[in-house]
Amino acid sequence: MRIHKGSVVRLHYTGTLEDGVEFDSSRGRDPLEFTVGEEMLIPGFENGVIGHEKGDRFTITVDPEDGYGEYSEELVFEVPLDQVPEHITPETGMVLELTGEEGEMEVTVIDVTDTTVLLDANHTLAGEKLTFDIEIMQVLS
């Protein structure tokens, strides 16, 4: 049975960046299960499995616009250090969860000075070309 929109698929994958660094993998745990077309995954990944079937092993490359989007400088902003809750000591690389009018979002601390914290709300994989090695384990529908 070939995969189409609406198919429930179980698969293993390994995701790497252009330099070959692995950023995620389902190997060593249960296969990823999802319904194609429900937009639970990035579009390039979902579209990349369409037409394949159980047992297929293949590689897809996903450009930023079909992945986590282009990197946007508009999502980098500064916050006064005195607005950071006292129980948090911000450090470069730390991931924080902010709650605002638009809901919750994760931000990465990219710089800390004596008076400010520079935050980046881009997804950590924004602007990256992603490669996925995929093995289709089951096509359930």
Protein backbone atom coordinates (compact mmCIF):
# COMPACT_ATOMS: atom_id res chain seq x y z
CA MET A 1 0.00 0.00 0.00
CA ARG A 2 1.47 3.34 -1.09
CA ILE A 3 1.49 6.27 1.31
CA HIS A 4 -0.96 9.07 0.55
CA LYS A 5 -2.54 11.96 2.45
CA GLY A 6 -4.53 10.38 5.25
CA SER A 7 -2.23 7.35 5.58
CA VAL A 8 -1.15 6.38 9.08
CA VAL A 9 2.56 5.64 8.86
CA ARG A 10 5.14 4.16 11.23
CA LEU A 11 8.76 4.87 10.32
CA HIS A 12 12.28 5.31 11.58
CA TYR A 13 14.31 8.36 10.64
CA THR A 14 17.61 10.05 11.28
CA GLY A 15 17.86 13.78 10.69
CA THR A 16 21.16 15.49 9.88
CA LEU A 17 22.32 18.99 9.03
CA GLU A 18 24.31 19.89 5.90
CA ASP A 19 27.58 19.32 7.79
CA GLY A 20 26.47 15.79 8.71
CA VAL A 21 25.70 16.54 12.37
CA GLU A 22 22.77 14.44 13.60
CA PHE A 23 20.03 16.51 15.24
CA ASP A 24 17.41 13.83 15.84
CA SER A 25 16.69 10.14 15.34
CA SER A 26 13.98 7.63 16.16
CA ARG A 27 16.47 4.75 16.05
CA GLY A 28 16.73 2.97 19.38
CA ARG A 29 13.15 3.85 20.33
CA ASP A 30 9.66 3.21 18.97
CA PRO A 31 9.07 4.23 15.35
CA LEU A 32 7.46 7.61 14.73
CA GLU A 33 3.75 7.23 13.96
CA PHE A 34 1.71 9.97 12.31
CA THR A 35 -1.09 10.63 9.86
CA VAL A 36 0.12 12.19 6.61
CA GLY A 37 -1.54 15.54 5.96
CA GLU A 38 -2.47 16.40 9.56
CA GLU A 39 0.45 18.86 9.69
CA MET A 40 1.93 17.37 12.85
CA LEU A 41 5.37 17.36 11.20
CA ILE A 42 7.20 19.78 8.94
CA PRO A 43 5.70 19.88 5.41
CA GLY A 44 8.85 18.68 3.65
CA PHE A 45 8.97 15.53 5.79
CA GLU A 46 5.29 14.69 5.34
CA ASN A 47 5.39 15.33 1.58
CA GLY A 48 8.62 13.35 1.29
CA VAL A 49 7.03 10.07 2.36
CA ILE A 50 4.06 10.25 -0.04
CA GLY A 51 4.24 7.53 -2.68
CA HIS A 52 6.49 5.23 -0.65
CA GLU A 53 5.48 1.92 0.90
CA LYS A 54 6.44 -0.50 3.69
CA GLY A 55 10.08 -1.51 3.48
CA ASP A 56 11.25 1.53 1.49
CA ARG A 57 14.50 3.13 2.66
CA PHE A 58 15.31 6.53 1.19
CA THR A 59 16.75 9.96 1.86
CA ILE A 60 15.02 13.31 1.49
CA THR A 61 16.38 16.84 1.76
CA VAL A 62 14.14 19.56 3.16
CA ASP A 63 14.82 23.23 2.43
CA PRO A 64 14.14 25.77 5.21
CA GLU A 65 10.84 26.96 3.69
CA ASP A 66 9.47 23.39 3.94
CA GLY A 67 11.11 22.81 7.32
CA TYR A 68 11.31 25.22 10.23
CA GLY A 69 11.34 28.38 8.13
CA GLU A 70 14.00 30.92 7.32
CA TYR A 71 15.93 32.50 10.17
CA SER A 72 14.38 35.87 11.08
CA GLU A 73 16.27 38.67 12.80
CA GLU A 74 12.86 40.03 13.82
CA LEU A 75 12.58 37.15 16.29
CA VAL A 76 15.72 38.27 18.15
CA PHE A 77 14.98 40.73 20.95
CA GLU A 78 16.42 42.20 24.10
CA VAL A 79 14.85 42.08 27.57
CA PRO A 80 15.99 44.08 30.60
CA LEU A 81 17.70 41.73 33.05
CA ASP A 82 15.49 42.99 35.87
CA GLN A 83 12.44 41.54 34.04
CA VAL A 84 13.84 38.01 34.26
CA PRO A 85 12.33 36.12 37.24
CA GLU A 86 14.73 36.05 40.20
CA HIS A 87 14.88 32.22 40.27
CA ILE A 88 16.35 32.17 36.74
CA THR A 89 20.02 32.93 36.12
CA PRO A 90 20.20 33.34 32.32
CA GLU A 91 23.23 31.83 30.57
CA THR A 92 24.13 31.76 26.90
CA GLY A 93 22.55 28.69 25.25
CA MET A 94 19.85 28.30 27.90
CA VAL A 95 16.34 27.62 26.56
CA LEU A 96 13.51 29.43 28.35
CA GLU A 97 9.75 29.25 27.95
CA LEU A 98 7.95 32.58 27.73
CA THR A 99 4.24 33.13 28.10
CA GLY A 100 2.68 36.13 26.40
CA GLU A 101 -0.40 37.34 24.56
CA GLU A 102 0.21 34.83 21.74
CA GLY A 103 0.69 31.87 24.09
CA GLU A 104 3.86 30.01 25.01
CA MET A 105 7.10 30.09 23.06
CA GLU A 106 10.60 28.78 23.57
CA VAL A 107 13.48 31.22 23.30
CA THR A 108 17.23 30.70 23.44
CA VAL A 109 19.47 33.02 25.42
CA ILE A 110 22.14 34.24 22.99
CA ASP A 111 23.82 36.90 25.15
CA VAL A 112 23.73 38.23 28.70
CA THR A 113 25.09 41.60 29.83
CA ASP A 114 24.96 43.35 33.20
CA THR A 115 21.62 44.93 32.22
CA THR A 116 20.03 42.90 29.40
CA VAL A 117 19.34 39.43 28.03
CA LEU A 118 19.33 38.87 24.24
CA LEU A 119 16.76 36.23 23.26
CA ASP A 120 16.17 34.34 20.01
CA ALA A 121 12.65 33.01 19.33
CA ASN A 122 13.60 31.29 16.05
CA HIS A 123 13.31 27.50 16.06
CA THR A 124 16.79 26.04 16.60
CA LEU A 125 16.59 24.51 13.10
CA ALA A 126 15.31 27.68 11.36
CA GLY A 127 17.28 28.45 8.21
CA GLU A 128 18.75 24.94 8.05
CA LYS A 129 18.61 22.51 5.13
CA LEU A 130 17.70 19.15 6.68
CA THR A 131 18.41 15.64 5.46
CA PHE A 132 16.36 12.69 6.65
CA ASP A 133 17.23 9.02 6.17
CA ILE A 134 13.87 7.25 6.40
CA GLU A 135 12.75 3.62 6.63
CA ILE A 136 9.03 2.88 6.32
CA MET A 137 8.13 0.24 8.90
CA GLN A 138 4.33 0.09 8.41
CA VAL A 139 1.57 1.75 6.44
CA LEU A 140 -1.53 1.26 8.62
CA SER A 141 -4.11 2.87 6.34
